[in-house]
Structure formats: C-alpha cells, structure tokens
PDB file of all heavy atoms in Angstrom:
ATOM      1  N   ILE A   1       8.701 -95.577  62.990  1.00  0.00           N
ATOM      2  CA  ILE A   1       8.515 -94.141  63.198  1.00  0.00           C
ATOM      3  C   ILE A   1       9.840 -93.278  63.102  1.00  0.00           C
ATOM      4  O   ILE A   1       9.824 -92.073  63.166  1.00  0.00           O
ATOM      5  CB  ILE A   1       7.914 -93.899  64.608  1.00  0.00           C
ATOM      6  CG1 ILE A   1       8.765 -94.330  65.771  1.00  0.00           C
ATOM      7  CG2 ILE A   1       6.526 -94.488  64.654  1.00  0.00           C
ATOM      8  CD1 ILE A   1       8.228 -93.898  67.105  1.00  0.00           C
ATOM      9  N   ASN A   2      10.916 -93.945  63.005  1.00  0.00           N
ATOM     10  CA  ASN A   2      12.256 -93.219  62.959  1.00  0.00           C
ATOM     11  C   ASN A   2      12.709 -93.069  61.360  1.00  0.00           C
ATOM     12  O   ASN A   2      13.771 -92.522  61.108  1.00  0.00           O
ATOM     13  CB  ASN A   2      13.318 -93.969  63.729  1.00  0.00           C
ATOM     14  CG  ASN A   2      13.109 -93.775  65.120  1.00  0.00           C
ATOM     15  OD1 ASN A   2      12.685 -92.823  65.599  1.00  0.00           O
ATOM     16  ND2 ASN A   2      13.487 -94.769  65.952  1.00  0.00           N
ATOM     17  N   LYS A   3      11.993 -93.573  60.585  1.00  0.00           N
ATOM     18  CA  LYS A   3      12.312 -93.537  59.098  1.00  0.00           C
ATOM     19  C   LYS A   3      11.290 -93.173  58.207  1.00  0.00           C
ATOM     20  O   LYS A   3      10.076 -93.413  58.675  1.00  0.00           O
ATOM     21  CB  LYS A   3      12.996 -94.894  58.545  1.00  0.00           C
ATOM     22  CG  LYS A   3      12.126 -95.994  58.472  1.00  0.00           C
ATOM     23  CD  LYS A   3      12.788 -97.253  58.002  1.00  0.00           C
ATOM     24  CE  LYS A   3      11.710 -98.317  57.730  1.00  0.00           C
ATOM     25  NZ  LYS A   3      12.322 -99.554  57.096  1.00  0.00           N
ATOM     26  N   ARG A   4      11.547 -92.655  57.106  1.00  0.00           N
ATOM     27  CA  ARG A   4      10.499 -92.292  56.114  1.00  0.00           C
ATOM     28  C   ARG A   4      10.834 -92.975  54.796  1.00  0.00           C
ATOM     29  O   ARG A   4      11.886 -92.873  54.266  1.00  0.00           O
ATOM     30  CB  ARG A   4      10.509 -90.791  55.889  1.00  0.00           C
ATOM     31  CG  ARG A   4       9.686 -90.403  54.787  1.00  0.00           C
ATOM     32  CD  ARG A   4       9.710 -88.853  54.681  1.00  0.00           C
ATOM     33  NE  ARG A   4      10.894 -88.169  54.901  1.00  0.00           N
ATOM     34  CZ  ARG A   4      11.270 -86.966  54.481  1.00  0.00           C
ATOM     35  NH1 ARG A   4      10.310 -86.267  53.914  1.00  0.00           N
ATOM     36  NH2 ARG A   4      12.386 -86.414  54.700  1.00  0.00           N
ATOM     37  N   ASP A   5       9.904 -93.840  54.418  1.00  0.00           N
ATOM     38  CA  ASP A   5      10.085 -94.599  53.046  1.00  0.00           C
ATOM     39  C   ASP A   5       9.497 -93.903  51.961  1.00  0.00           C
ATOM     40  O   ASP A   5       8.356 -93.184  52.000  1.00  0.00           O
ATOM     41  CB  ASP A   5       9.360 -95.933  53.237  1.00  0.00           C
ATOM     42  CG  ASP A   5      10.163 -96.942  54.187  1.00  0.00           C
ATOM     43  OD1 ASP A   5      11.313 -96.717  54.364  1.00  0.00           O
ATOM     44  OD2 ASP A   5       9.555 -97.999  54.622  1.00  0.00           O
ATOM     45  N   VAL A   6      10.162 -93.854  50.893  1.00  0.00           N
ATOM     46  CA  VAL A   6       9.709 -93.162  49.693  1.00  0.00           C
ATOM     47  C   VAL A   6       9.757 -94.188  48.511  1.00  0.00           C
ATOM     48  O   VAL A   6      10.755 -94.773  48.358  1.00  0.00           O
ATOM     49  CB  VAL A   6      10.656 -91.989  49.268  1.00  0.00           C
ATOM     50  CG1 VAL A   6      10.154 -91.254  47.942  1.00  0.00           C
ATOM     51  CG2 VAL A   6      10.565 -90.957  50.325  1.00  0.00           C
ATOM     52  N   GLU A   7       8.529 -94.404  47.808  1.00  0.00           N
ATOM     53  CA  GLU A   7       8.554 -95.288  46.740  1.00  0.00           C
ATOM     54  C   GLU A   7       8.931 -94.606  45.440  1.00  0.00           C
ATOM     55  O   GLU A   7       8.365 -93.433  45.188  1.00  0.00           O
ATOM     56  CB  GLU A   7       7.118 -95.750  46.784  1.00  0.00           C
ATOM     57  CG  GLU A   7       6.752 -97.011  46.012  1.00  0.00           C
ATOM     58  CD  GLU A   7       5.348 -97.438  46.041  1.00  0.00           C
ATOM     59  OE1 GLU A   7       4.510 -96.502  46.074  1.00  0.00           O
ATOM     60  OE2 GLU A   7       5.077 -98.659  46.460  1.00  0.00           O
ATOM     61  N   ILE A   8       9.841 -95.171  44.589  1.00  0.00           N
ATOM     62  CA  ILE A   8      10.125 -94.611  43.381  1.00  0.00           C
ATOM     63  C   ILE A   8       9.659 -95.503  42.334  1.00  0.00           C
ATOM     64  O   ILE A   8      10.023 -96.748  42.238  1.00  0.00           O
ATOM     65  CB  ILE A   8      11.680 -94.392  43.248  1.00  0.00           C
ATOM     66  CG1 ILE A   8      12.099 -93.402  44.416  1.00  0.00           C
ATOM     67  CG2 ILE A   8      12.068 -93.869  42.012  1.00  0.00           C
ATOM     68  CD1 ILE A   8      13.551 -93.485  44.712  1.00  0.00           C
ATOM     69  N   ILE A   9       8.776 -95.080  41.451  1.00  0.00           N
ATOM     70  CA  ILE A   9       8.004 -95.877  40.489  1.00  0.00           C
ATOM     71  C   ILE A   9       8.385 -95.342  39.079  1.00  0.00           C
ATOM     72  O   ILE A   9       8.110 -94.053  38.693  1.00  0.00           O
ATOM     73  CB  ILE A   9       6.584 -95.871  40.668  1.00  0.00           C
ATOM     74  CG1 ILE A   9       6.285 -96.309  42.139  1.00  0.00           C
ATOM     75  CG2 ILE A   9       5.887 -96.755  39.718  1.00  0.00           C
ATOM     76  CD1 ILE A   9       4.908 -96.115  42.531  1.00  0.00           C
ATOM     77  N   TRP A  10       8.867 -96.102  38.227  1.00  0.00           N
ATOM     78  CA  TRP A  10       9.191 -95.678  36.775  1.00  0.00           C
ATOM     79  C   TRP A  10       7.935 -96.019  35.999  1.00  0.00           C
ATOM     80  O   TRP A  10       7.426 -97.263  36.026  1.00  0.00           O
ATOM     81  CB  TRP A  10      10.435 -96.513  36.298  1.00  0.00           C
ATOM     82  CG  TRP A  10      10.763 -96.022  34.846  1.00  0.00           C
ATOM     83  CD1 TRP A  10      10.238 -96.454  33.727  1.00  0.00           C
ATOM     84  CD2 TRP A  10      11.806 -95.056  34.620  1.00  0.00           C
ATOM     85  NE1 TRP A  10      10.819 -95.635  32.630  1.00  0.00           N
ATOM     86  CE2 TRP A  10      11.749 -94.841  33.182  1.00  0.00           C
ATOM     87  CE3 TRP A  10      12.718 -94.297  35.376  1.00  0.00           C
ATOM     88  CZ2 TRP A  10      12.773 -94.061  32.501  1.00  0.00           C
ATOM     89  CZ3 TRP A  10      13.558 -93.433  34.754  1.00  0.00           C
ATOM     90  CH2 TRP A  10      13.561 -93.382  33.293  1.00  0.00           C
ATOM     91  N   GLU A  11       7.420 -95.151  35.205  1.00  0.00           N
ATOM     92  CA  GLU A  11       6.295 -95.399  34.456  1.00  0.00           C
ATOM     93  C   GLU A  11       6.607 -95.046  32.968  1.00  0.00           C
ATOM     94  O   GLU A  11       7.287 -93.972  32.705  1.00  0.00           O
ATOM     95  CB  GLU A  11       5.074 -94.565  34.876  1.00  0.00           C
ATOM     96  CG  GLU A  11       4.364 -95.085  36.000  1.00  0.00           C
ATOM     97  CD  GLU A  11       3.051 -94.385  36.306  1.00  0.00           C
ATOM     98  OE1 GLU A  11       2.626 -93.421  35.628  1.00  0.00           O
ATOM     99  OE2 GLU A  11       2.376 -94.823  37.264  1.00  0.00           O
ATOM    100  N   GLY A  12       6.243 -95.748  32.002  1.00  0.00           N
ATOM    101  CA  GLY A  12       6.337 -95.436  30.625  1.00  0.00           C
ATOM    102  C   GLY A  12       7.485 -96.259  29.996  1.00  0.00           C
ATOM    103  O   GLY A  12       7.999 -97.310  30.561  1.00  0.00           O
ATOM    104  N   LYS A  13       8.048 -95.721  28.974  1.00  0.00           N
ATOM    105  CA  LYS A  13       9.147 -96.303  28.258  1.00  0.00           C
ATOM    106  C   LYS A  13      10.490 -96.514  29.079  1.00  0.00           C
ATOM    107  O   LYS A  13      10.543 -95.754  30.044  1.00  0.00           O
ATOM    108  CB  LYS A  13       9.485 -95.629  26.975  1.00  0.00           C
ATOM    109  CG  LYS A  13       8.375 -95.591  25.952  1.00  0.00           C
ATOM    110  CD  LYS A  13       8.841 -94.845  24.735  1.00  0.00           C
ATOM    111  CE  LYS A  13       7.733 -94.718  23.728  1.00  0.00           C
ATOM    112  NZ  LYS A  13       8.168 -93.962  22.526  1.00  0.00           N
ATOM    113  N   SER A  14      11.369 -97.346  28.704  1.00  0.00           N
ATOM    114  CA  SER A  14      12.655 -97.492  29.357  1.00  0.00           C
ATOM    115  C   SER A  14      13.450 -96.252  29.090  1.00  0.00           C
ATOM    116  O   SER A  14      13.137 -95.413  28.323  1.00  0.00           O
ATOM    117  CB  SER A  14      13.353 -98.698  28.823  1.00  0.00           C
ATOM    118  OG  SER A  14      13.701 -98.376  27.403  1.00  0.00           O
ATOM    119  N   PRO A  15      14.520 -96.033  29.902  1.00  0.00           N
ATOM    120  CA  PRO A  15      15.404 -94.912  29.663  1.00  0.00           C
ATOM    121  C   PRO A  15      15.968 -94.757  28.171  1.00  0.00           C
ATOM    122  O   PRO A  15      15.808 -93.709  27.561  1.00  0.00           O
ATOM    123  CB  PRO A  15      16.586 -95.065  30.591  1.00  0.00           C
ATOM    124  CG  PRO A  15      15.877 -95.763  31.789  1.00  0.00           C
ATOM    125  CD  PRO A  15      15.026 -96.764  31.066  1.00  0.00           C
ATOM    126  N   ALA A  16      16.292 -95.955  27.656  1.00  0.00           N
ATOM    127  CA  ALA A  16      16.768 -95.906  26.387  1.00  0.00           C
ATOM    128  C   ALA A  16      15.551 -95.587  25.296  1.00  0.00           C
ATOM    129  O   ALA A  16      15.847 -94.879  24.297  1.00  0.00           O
ATOM    130  CB  ALA A  16      17.395 -97.293  25.877  1.00  0.00           C
ATOM    131  N   GLY A  17      14.403 -96.011  25.651  1.00  0.00           N
ATOM    132  CA  GLY A  17      13.299 -95.771  24.791  1.00  0.00           C
ATOM    133  C   GLY A  17      12.840 -94.250  24.769  1.00  0.00           C
ATOM    134  O   GLY A  17      12.198 -93.787  23.899  1.00  0.00           O
ATOM    135  N   LEU A  18      13.378 -93.570  25.752  1.00  0.00           N
ATOM    136  CA  LEU A  18      13.260 -92.036  25.918  1.00  0.00           C
ATOM    137  C   LEU A  18      14.406 -91.182  25.363  1.00  0.00           C
ATOM    138  O   LEU A  18      14.446 -90.102  25.671  1.00  0.00           O
ATOM    139  CB  LEU A  18      12.812 -91.646  27.280  1.00  0.00           C
ATOM    140  CG  LEU A  18      11.447 -92.178  27.826  1.00  0.00           C
ATOM    141  CD1 LEU A  18      11.469 -92.047  29.307  1.00  0.00           C
ATOM    142  CD2 LEU A  18      10.376 -91.639  27.075  1.00  0.00           C
ATOM    143  N   ASP A  19      15.385 -91.987  24.796  1.00  0.00           N
ATOM    144  CA  ASP A  19      16.591 -91.486  24.190  1.00  0.00           C
ATOM    145  C   ASP A  19      17.404 -90.928  25.328  1.00  0.00           C
ATOM    146  O   ASP A  19      18.185 -89.918  25.273  1.00  0.00           O
ATOM    147  CB  ASP A  19      16.325 -90.355  23.163  1.00  0.00           C
ATOM    148  CG  ASP A  19      17.515 -89.958  22.316  1.00  0.00           C
ATOM    149  OD1 ASP A  19      18.396 -91.058  22.124  1.00  0.00           O
ATOM    150  OD2 ASP A  19      17.716 -88.896  21.985  1.00  0.00           O
ATOM    151  N   LEU A  20      17.433 -91.555  26.574  1.00  0.00           N
ATOM    152  CA  LEU A  20      18.167 -91.065  27.714  1.00  0.00           C
ATOM    153  C   LEU A  20      19.382 -91.922  27.803  1.00  0.00           C
ATOM    154  O   LEU A  20      19.272 -93.139  27.917  1.00  0.00           O
ATOM    155  CB  LEU A  20      17.298 -91.183  28.988  1.00  0.00           C
ATOM    156  CG  LEU A  20      16.216 -90.075  29.218  1.00  0.00           C
ATOM    157  CD1 LEU A  20      15.314 -90.489  30.325  1.00  0.00           C
ATOM    158  CD2 LEU A  20      16.950 -88.708  29.486  1.00  0.00           C
ATOM    159  N   LYS A  21      20.565 -91.297  28.026  1.00  0.00           N
ATOM    160  CA  LYS A  21      21.743 -92.028  28.308  1.00  0.00           C
ATOM    161  C   LYS A  21      21.727 -92.471  29.723  1.00  0.00           C
ATOM    162  O   LYS A  21      22.065 -93.565  30.051  1.00  0.00           O
ATOM    163  CB  LYS A  21      23.019 -91.238  27.972  1.00  0.00           C
ATOM    164  CG  LYS A  21      24.279 -92.080  28.177  1.00  0.00           C
ATOM    165  CD  LYS A  21      25.464 -91.355  27.553  1.00  0.00           C
ATOM    166  CE  LYS A  21      26.603 -92.235  27.750  1.00  0.00           C
ATOM    167  NZ  LYS A  21      27.705 -91.653  26.976  1.00  0.00           N
ATOM    168  N   GLU A  22      21.307 -91.515  30.612  1.00  0.00           N
ATOM    169  CA  GLU A  22      21.147 -91.806  32.023  1.00  0.00           C
ATOM    170  C   GLU A  22      20.043 -90.773  32.584  1.00  0.00           C
ATOM    171  O   GLU A  22      19.872 -89.709  32.193  1.00  0.00           O
ATOM    172  CB  GLU A  22      22.415 -91.676  32.843  1.00  0.00           C
ATOM    173  CG  GLU A  22      23.116 -90.304  32.805  1.00  0.00           C
ATOM    174  CD  GLU A  22      24.439 -90.242  33.516  1.00  0.00           C
ATOM    175  OE1 GLU A  22      24.976 -91.424  33.795  1.00  0.00           O
ATOM    176  OE2 GLU A  22      24.798 -89.163  33.856  1.00  0.00           O
ATOM    177  N   PHE A  23      19.446 -91.233  33.532  1.00  0.00           N
ATOM    178  CA  PHE A  23      18.378 -90.544  34.351  1.00  0.00           C
ATOM    179  C   PHE A  23      18.697 -90.706  35.929  1.00  0.00           C
ATOM    180  O   PHE A  23      18.778 -91.813  36.346  1.00  0.00           O
ATOM    181  CB  PHE A  23      17.043 -91.128  34.052  1.00  0.00           C
ATOM    182  CG  PHE A  23      15.857 -90.354  34.748  1.00  0.00           C
ATOM    183  CD1 PHE A  23      15.110 -89.385  33.999  1.00  0.00           C
ATOM    184  CD2 PHE A  23      15.541 -90.534  36.069  1.00  0.00           C
ATOM    185  CE1 PHE A  23      14.029 -88.798  34.609  1.00  0.00           C
ATOM    186  CE2 PHE A  23      14.548 -89.985  36.666  1.00  0.00           C
ATOM    187  CZ  PHE A  23      13.810 -88.966  35.935  1.00  0.00           C
ATOM    188  N   LYS A  24      18.958 -89.598  36.569  1.00  0.00           N
ATOM    189  CA  LYS A  24      19.296 -89.638  37.892  1.00  0.00           C
ATOM    190  C   LYS A  24      18.270 -88.956  38.776  1.00  0.00           C
ATOM    191  O   LYS A  24      17.955 -87.893  38.509  1.00  0.00           O
ATOM    192  CB  LYS A  24      20.528 -89.162  38.196  1.00  0.00           C
ATOM    193  CG  LYS A  24      21.838 -89.742  37.465  1.00  0.00           C
ATOM    194  CD  LYS A  24      23.130 -89.009  37.817  1.00  0.00           C
ATOM    195  CE  LYS A  24      24.409 -89.552  37.137  1.00  0.00           C
ATOM    196  NZ  LYS A  24      25.552 -88.781  37.317  1.00  0.00           N
ATOM    197  N   LEU A  25      18.014 -89.549  39.918  1.00  0.00           N
ATOM    198  CA  LEU A  25      17.355 -88.901  40.939  1.00  0.00           C
ATOM    199  C   LEU A  25      18.360 -88.661  42.017  1.00  0.00           C
ATOM    200  O   LEU A  25      19.084 -89.559  42.413  1.00  0.00           O
ATOM    201  CB  LEU A  25      16.256 -89.849  41.619  1.00  0.00           C
ATOM    202  CG  LEU A  25      14.968 -90.089  40.794  1.00  0.00           C
ATOM    203  CD1 LEU A  25      14.111 -91.040  41.516  1.00  0.00           C
ATOM    204  CD2 LEU A  25      14.242 -88.752  40.590  1.00  0.00           C
ATOM    205  N   GLU A  26      18.573 -87.482  42.460  1.00  0.00           N
ATOM    206  CA  GLU A  26      19.451 -86.958  43.430  1.00  0.00           C
ATOM    207  C   GLU A  26      18.829 -86.495  44.745  1.00  0.00           C
ATOM    208  O   GLU A  26      17.873 -85.647  44.640  1.00  0.00           O
ATOM    209  CB  GLU A  26      20.492 -85.970  42.841  1.00  0.00           C
ATOM    210  CG  GLU A  26      21.120 -86.468  41.642  1.00  0.00           C
ATOM    211  CD  GLU A  26      21.906 -85.300  40.816  1.00  0.00           C
ATOM    212  OE1 GLU A  26      21.633 -84.150  41.101  1.00  0.00           O
ATOM    213  OE2 GLU A  26      22.851 -85.656  40.049  1.00  0.00           O
ATOM    214  N   PHE A  27      19.172 -86.988  45.880  1.00  0.00           N
ATOM    215  CA  PHE A  27      18.676 -86.676  47.011  1.00  0.00           C
ATOM    216  C   PHE A  27      19.695 -85.999  47.968  1.00  0.00           C
ATOM    217  O   PHE A  27      20.773 -86.447  48.211  1.00  0.00           O
ATOM    218  CB  PHE A  27      18.158 -87.886  47.850  1.00  0.00           C
ATOM    219  CG  PHE A  27      17.106 -88.657  47.069  1.00  0.00           C
ATOM    220  CD1 PHE A  27      17.320 -89.620  46.219  1.00  0.00           C
ATOM    221  CD2 PHE A  27      15.743 -88.203  47.270  1.00  0.00           C
ATOM    222  CE1 PHE A  27      16.320 -90.328  45.496  1.00  0.00           C
ATOM    223  CE2 PHE A  27      14.742 -88.875  46.580  1.00  0.00           C
ATOM    224  CZ  PHE A  27      15.113 -89.857  45.715  1.00  0.00           C
ATOM    225  N   ARG A  28      19.402 -84.713  48.374  1.00  0.00           N
ATOM    226  CA  ARG A  28      20.378 -83.932  49.102  1.00  0.00           C
ATOM    227  C   ARG A  28      19.793 -83.924  50.704  1.00  0.00           C
ATOM    228  O   ARG A  28      18.718 -83.691  50.890  1.00  0.00           O
ATOM    229  CB  ARG A  28      20.487 -82.496  48.766  1.00  0.00           C
ATOM    230  CG  ARG A  28      21.402 -81.650  49.398  1.00  0.00           C
ATOM    231  CD  ARG A  28      21.722 -80.406  48.788  1.00  0.00           C
ATOM    232  NE  ARG A  28      20.450 -79.468  48.721  1.00  0.00           N
ATOM    233  CZ  ARG A  28      20.360 -78.351  48.242  1.00  0.00           C
ATOM    234  NH1 ARG A  28      21.493 -77.782  47.551  1.00  0.00           N
ATOM    235  NH2 ARG A  28      19.243 -77.626  48.153  1.00  0.00           N
ATOM    236  N   ILE A  29      20.628 -84.281  51.466  1.00  0.00           N
ATOM    237  CA  ILE A  29      20.390 -84.402  52.927  1.00  0.00           C
ATOM    238  C   ILE A  29      20.818 -83.274  53.761  1.00  0.00           C
ATOM    239  O   ILE A  29      22.066 -82.879  53.697  1.00  0.00           O
ATOM    240  CB  ILE A  29      20.906 -85.747  53.515  1.00  0.00           C
ATOM    241  CG1 ILE A  29      20.807 -86.912  52.609  1.00  0.00           C
ATOM    242  CG2 ILE A  29      20.441 -85.996  54.944  1.00  0.00           C
ATOM    243  CD1 ILE A  29      19.325 -87.341  52.267  1.00  0.00           C
ATOM    244  N   ASN A  30      19.996 -82.554  54.501  1.00  0.00           N
ATOM    245  CA  ASN A  30      20.279 -81.426  55.319  1.00  0.00           C
ATOM    246  C   ASN A  30      21.156 -80.399  54.629  1.00  0.00           C
ATOM    247  O   ASN A  30      22.079 -79.778  55.250  1.00  0.00           O
ATOM    248  CB  ASN A  30      20.919 -81.944  56.565  1.00  0.00           C
ATOM    249  CG  ASN A  30      20.020 -82.903  57.384  1.00  0.00           C
ATOM    250  OD1 ASN A  30      18.903 -82.774  57.383  1.00  0.00           O
ATOM    251  ND2 ASN A  30      20.659 -83.967  58.011  1.00  0.00           N
ATOM    252  N   ASP A  31      20.730 -79.980  53.503  1.00  0.00           N
ATOM    253  CA  ASP A  31      21.392 -78.892  52.679  1.00  0.00           C
ATOM    254  C   ASP A  31      22.965 -79.128  52.374  1.00  0.00           C
ATOM    255  O   ASP A  31      23.665 -78.179  52.130  1.00  0.00           O
ATOM    256  CB  ASP A  31      21.213 -77.616  53.372  1.00  0.00           C
ATOM    257  CG  ASP A  31      19.852 -77.015  53.469  1.00  0.00           C
ATOM    258  OD1 ASP A  31      19.113 -77.189  52.537  1.00  0.00           O
ATOM    259  OD2 ASP A  31      19.377 -76.652  54.540  1.00  0.00           O
ATOM    260  N   ASN A  32      23.331 -80.356  52.562  1.00  0.00           N
ATOM    261  CA  ASN A  32      24.722 -80.736  52.396  1.00  0.00           C
ATOM    262  C   ASN A  32      25.076 -81.168  50.976  1.00  0.00           C
ATOM    263  O   ASN A  32      24.719 -82.380  50.603  1.00  0.00           O
ATOM    264  CB  ASN A  32      25.138 -81.710  53.392  1.00  0.00           C
ATOM    265  CG  ASN A  32      26.649 -82.037  53.464  1.00  0.00           C
ATOM    266  OD1 ASN A  32      27.409 -81.664  52.445  1.00  0.00           O
ATOM    267  ND2 ASN A  32      27.136 -82.748  54.394  1.00  0.00           N
TER     268      ASN A  32
END
C-alpha cells in the first residue's frame, strides 16, 4: 500500500526496427 507499480510493455517491432537510435521513458518526481 506504500508503493505504486507500473508495468511497461513494449509492443511491436524492436527500437532498431522502428529506426530508433534510442527510446526513453522519463519519469519526473514531484515536479523536480
């Protein structure tokens, strides 16, 4: 009850298959 779990699921082609050099998910905590 003190934590919140978030599941991150990749669907589709690989990053390279989508012509991506990199793909980032960025999480900002408390507006910082």
